[in-house]
Amino acid sequence: MYLHLGQNTVVRTKEIVGIFDLDTATVSAKTRGFLKKAQTDGKVISVSQELPKSFILCENGSVYISQLSPATLLSRAEKQK
C-alpha cells in the first residue's frame, strides 16, 4: 500500500518508520539535530510550499516534510487497511 503525503508524493506504507508532528517533535534538541543533519545530507524532501505540519521518516533515511497533519496522514493510512 501507499500513503499520499500531498502534492503528488506517495510512499510505501511499509517503508514508513514514523509520522511526527513538527510542532511537538521539534521541541527536543535531539530531533532538531536529527532534522538538521538530514537536511545537510540531502535527505529532506519538502512535499509542499505551504506551512509544514508533519515529517515522515522512512527506512532509507529520507525525511518528507508535509503540510498535512499527522492525524490526517494516520487517517489516510488506516483507510487503506
N, C-alpha and C. Protein backbone atom coordinates (compact mmCIF):
# COMPACT_ATOMS: atom_id res chain seq x y z
N MET A 1 0.82 -1.17 0.00
CA MET A 1 0.00 0.00 0.00
C MET A 1 0.88 1.26 0.00
N TYR A 2 0.28 2.34 -0.42
CA TYR A 2 0.97 3.62 -0.49
C TYR A 2 0.21 4.67 0.30
N LEU A 3 0.96 5.64 0.82
CA LEU A 3 0.36 6.74 1.56
C LEU A 3 0.64 8.03 0.79
N HIS A 4 -0.43 8.76 0.49
CA HIS A 4 -0.30 10.04 -0.21
C HIS A 4 0.05 11.12 0.80
N LEU A 5 1.20 11.76 0.61
CA LEU A 5 1.70 12.77 1.55
C LEU A 5 1.32 14.18 1.14
N GLY A 6 0.74 14.32 -0.04
CA GLY A 6 0.38 15.63 -0.58
C GLY A 6 1.18 15.94 -1.82
N GLN A 7 0.60 16.79 -2.68
CA GLN A 7 1.30 17.27 -3.87
C GLN A 7 1.92 16.17 -4.73
N ASN A 8 1.18 15.16 -5.08
CA ASN A 8 1.66 14.09 -5.97
C ASN A 8 2.80 13.26 -5.39
N THR A 9 2.95 13.23 -4.09
CA THR A 9 4.01 12.44 -3.46
C THR A 9 3.39 11.30 -2.68
N VAL A 10 3.86 10.09 -2.97
CA VAL A 10 3.40 8.90 -2.25
C VAL A 10 4.61 8.08 -1.80
N VAL A 11 4.46 7.38 -0.68
CA VAL A 11 5.50 6.47 -0.21
C VAL A 11 4.83 5.16 0.18
N ARG A 12 5.59 4.10 0.12
CA ARG A 12 5.06 2.79 0.53
C ARG A 12 4.90 2.79 2.04
N THR A 13 3.75 2.35 2.52
CA THR A 13 3.46 2.38 3.95
C THR A 13 4.43 1.50 4.74
N LYS A 14 4.87 0.40 4.17
CA LYS A 14 5.78 -0.48 4.92
C LYS A 14 7.18 0.10 5.05
N GLU A 15 7.49 1.17 4.32
CA GLU A 15 8.79 1.83 4.43
C GLU A 15 8.77 2.97 5.45
N ILE A 16 7.59 3.31 5.97
CA ILE A 16 7.47 4.41 6.92
C ILE A 16 7.86 3.94 8.32
N VAL A 17 8.80 4.65 8.92
CA VAL A 17 9.23 4.37 10.29
C VAL A 17 8.33 5.11 11.26
N GLY A 18 7.99 6.36 10.93
CA GLY A 18 7.15 7.15 11.82
C GLY A 18 6.64 8.41 11.16
N ILE A 19 5.53 8.90 11.70
CA ILE A 19 4.95 10.17 11.28
C ILE A 19 4.93 11.06 12.52
N PHE A 20 5.54 12.24 12.41
CA PHE A 20 5.75 13.09 13.57
C PHE A 20 5.17 14.48 13.36
N ASP A 21 4.65 15.05 14.43
CA ASP A 21 4.13 16.41 14.43
C ASP A 21 5.32 17.36 14.58
N LEU A 22 5.48 18.28 13.65
CA LEU A 22 6.61 19.20 13.70
C LEU A 22 6.58 20.11 14.92
N ASP A 23 5.40 20.53 15.33
CA ASP A 23 5.31 21.44 16.49
C ASP A 23 5.79 20.79 17.77
N THR A 24 5.41 19.56 18.01
CA THR A 24 5.77 18.91 19.26
C THR A 24 7.12 18.20 19.19
N ALA A 25 7.45 17.62 18.06
CA ALA A 25 8.70 16.87 17.94
C ALA A 25 9.92 17.76 17.95
N THR A 26 9.81 18.96 17.41
CA THR A 26 10.99 19.83 17.33
C THR A 26 11.28 20.58 18.63
N VAL A 27 10.52 20.29 19.67
CA VAL A 27 10.83 20.83 20.99
C VAL A 27 12.14 20.21 21.48
N SER A 28 12.38 18.97 21.12
CA SER A 28 13.58 18.25 21.53
C SER A 28 14.79 18.69 20.70
N ALA A 29 15.87 18.96 21.38
CA ALA A 29 17.11 19.33 20.70
C ALA A 29 17.63 18.18 19.84
N LYS A 30 17.41 16.94 20.28
CA LYS A 30 17.86 15.79 19.50
C LYS A 30 17.12 15.69 18.17
N THR A 31 15.83 15.96 18.20
CA THR A 31 15.05 15.92 16.96
C THR A 31 15.49 17.03 16.02
N ARG A 32 15.69 18.22 16.55
CA ARG A 32 16.17 19.34 15.73
C ARG A 32 17.53 19.00 15.12
N GLY A 33 18.40 18.39 15.91
CA GLY A 33 19.71 17.97 15.40
C GLY A 33 19.59 16.93 14.31
N PHE A 34 18.69 15.97 14.51
CA PHE A 34 18.47 14.93 13.50
C PHE A 34 17.99 15.55 12.19
N LEU A 35 17.02 16.46 12.29
CA LEU A 35 16.47 17.09 11.08
C LEU A 35 17.53 17.96 10.39
N LYS A 36 18.35 18.63 11.17
CA LYS A 36 19.42 19.45 10.60
C LYS A 36 20.42 18.59 9.85
N LYS A 37 20.80 17.45 10.43
CA LYS A 37 21.74 16.53 9.77
C LYS A 37 21.13 15.95 8.49
N ALA A 38 19.85 15.57 8.57
CA ALA A 38 19.17 15.05 7.38
C ALA A 38 19.14 16.10 6.27
N GLN A 39 18.91 17.35 6.64
CA GLN A 39 18.91 18.45 5.66
C GLN A 39 20.30 18.60 5.04
N THR A 40 21.34 18.56 5.87
CA THR A 40 22.72 18.68 5.39
C THR A 40 23.08 17.53 4.46
N ASP A 41 22.59 16.33 4.78
CA ASP A 41 22.87 15.14 3.97
C ASP A 41 22.01 15.06 2.71
N GLY A 42 21.10 15.99 2.52
CA GLY A 42 20.24 16.00 1.33
C GLY A 42 19.13 14.97 1.37
N LYS A 43 18.72 14.57 2.56
CA LYS A 43 17.69 13.54 2.69
C LYS A 43 16.31 14.11 2.99
N VAL A 44 16.19 15.42 3.09
CA VAL A 44 14.91 16.05 3.37
C VAL A 44 14.23 16.41 2.05
N ILE A 45 12.98 15.98 1.92
CA ILE A 45 12.19 16.24 0.72
C ILE A 45 10.95 17.00 1.16
N SER A 46 10.83 18.23 0.71
CA SER A 46 9.67 19.04 1.04
C SER A 46 8.56 18.74 0.04
N VAL A 47 7.41 18.37 0.56
CA VAL A 47 6.28 17.98 -0.29
C VAL A 47 5.46 19.18 -0.72
N SER A 48 5.51 20.27 0.01
CA SER A 48 4.66 21.42 -0.29
C SER A 48 5.37 22.72 0.06
N GLN A 49 4.89 23.79 -0.53
CA GLN A 49 5.39 25.12 -0.23
C GLN A 49 4.62 25.75 0.93
N GLU A 50 3.57 25.08 1.40
CA GLU A 50 2.74 25.60 2.49
C GLU A 50 3.43 25.35 3.84
N LEU A 51 2.81 25.88 4.89
CA LEU A 51 3.33 25.73 6.24
C LEU A 51 3.41 24.24 6.61
N PRO A 52 4.59 23.72 6.94
CA PRO A 52 4.71 22.29 7.26
C PRO A 52 4.11 21.96 8.61
N LYS A 53 3.45 20.80 8.67
CA LYS A 53 2.83 20.35 9.92
C LYS A 53 3.40 19.04 10.42
N SER A 54 4.01 18.26 9.53
CA SER A 54 4.50 16.95 9.94
C SER A 54 5.74 16.57 9.15
N PHE A 55 6.46 15.58 9.70
CA PHE A 55 7.52 14.98 8.91
C PHE A 55 7.39 13.47 9.01
N ILE A 56 7.76 12.81 7.91
CA ILE A 56 7.62 11.37 7.79
C ILE A 56 9.02 10.80 7.58
N LEU A 57 9.41 9.90 8.46
CA LEU A 57 10.73 9.26 8.38
C LEU A 57 10.57 7.89 7.74
N CYS A 58 11.38 7.63 6.73
CA CYS A 58 11.33 6.34 6.03
C CYS A 58 12.59 5.52 6.34
N GLU A 59 12.49 4.22 6.09
CA GLU A 59 13.58 3.28 6.38
C GLU A 59 14.90 3.67 5.74
N ASN A 60 14.85 4.23 4.54
CA ASN A 60 16.08 4.57 3.82
C ASN A 60 16.72 5.88 4.32
N GLY A 61 16.11 6.49 5.35
CA GLY A 61 16.64 7.72 5.92
C GLY A 61 16.05 8.98 5.34
N SER A 62 15.20 8.85 4.33
CA SER A 62 14.54 10.02 3.76
C SER A 62 13.55 10.61 4.76
N VAL A 63 13.47 11.93 4.76
CA VAL A 63 12.54 12.64 5.62
C VAL A 63 11.67 13.51 4.73
N TYR A 64 10.38 13.24 4.72
CA TYR A 64 9.43 14.02 3.94
C TYR A 64 8.78 15.05 4.85
N ILE A 65 8.76 16.31 4.42
CA ILE A 65 8.10 17.38 5.16
C ILE A 65 6.77 17.63 4.45
N SER A 66 5.67 17.51 5.21
CA SER A 66 4.34 17.63 4.61
C SER A 66 3.51 18.72 5.28
N GLN A 67 2.62 19.31 4.50
CA GLN A 67 1.69 20.30 5.02
C GLN A 67 0.49 19.64 5.70
N LEU A 68 0.38 18.33 5.59
CA LEU A 68 -0.73 17.60 6.20
C LEU A 68 -0.41 17.27 7.66
N SER A 69 -1.42 17.29 8.49
CA SER A 69 -1.22 16.98 9.91
C SER A 69 -0.98 15.48 10.08
N PRO A 70 -0.32 15.09 11.15
CA PRO A 70 -0.13 13.67 11.42
C PRO A 70 -1.46 12.92 11.52
N ALA A 71 -2.48 13.56 12.08
CA ALA A 71 -3.80 12.93 12.20
C ALA A 71 -4.39 12.63 10.83
N THR A 72 -4.23 13.54 9.89
CA THR A 72 -4.73 13.32 8.53
C THR A 72 -3.99 12.17 7.86
N LEU A 73 -2.68 12.15 8.01
CA LEU A 73 -1.88 11.08 7.41
C LEU A 73 -2.23 9.72 8.02
N LEU A 74 -2.41 9.68 9.34
CA LEU A 74 -2.79 8.45 10.01
C LEU A 74 -4.15 7.97 9.53
N SER A 75 -5.08 8.89 9.38
CA SER A 75 -6.41 8.55 8.89
C SER A 75 -6.34 7.95 7.49
N ARG A 76 -5.53 8.53 6.63
CA ARG A 76 -5.36 8.01 5.27
C ARG A 76 -4.76 6.61 5.30
N ALA A 77 -3.79 6.40 6.16
CA ALA A 77 -3.14 5.09 6.26
C ALA A 77 -4.13 4.03 6.76
N GLU A 78 -4.93 4.40 7.73
CA GLU A 78 -5.90 3.43 8.30
C GLU A 78 -6.99 3.08 7.31
N LYS A 79 -7.37 3.98 6.44
CA LYS A 79 -8.40 3.72 5.43
C LYS A 79 -7.95 2.67 4.43
N GLN A 80 -6.66 2.51 4.26
CA GLN A 80 -6.12 1.58 3.27
C GLN A 80 -6.06 0.15 3.80
N LYS A 81 -6.24 -0.05 5.09
CA LYS A 81 -6.13 -1.39 5.66
C LYS A 81 -7.30 -2.24 5.28
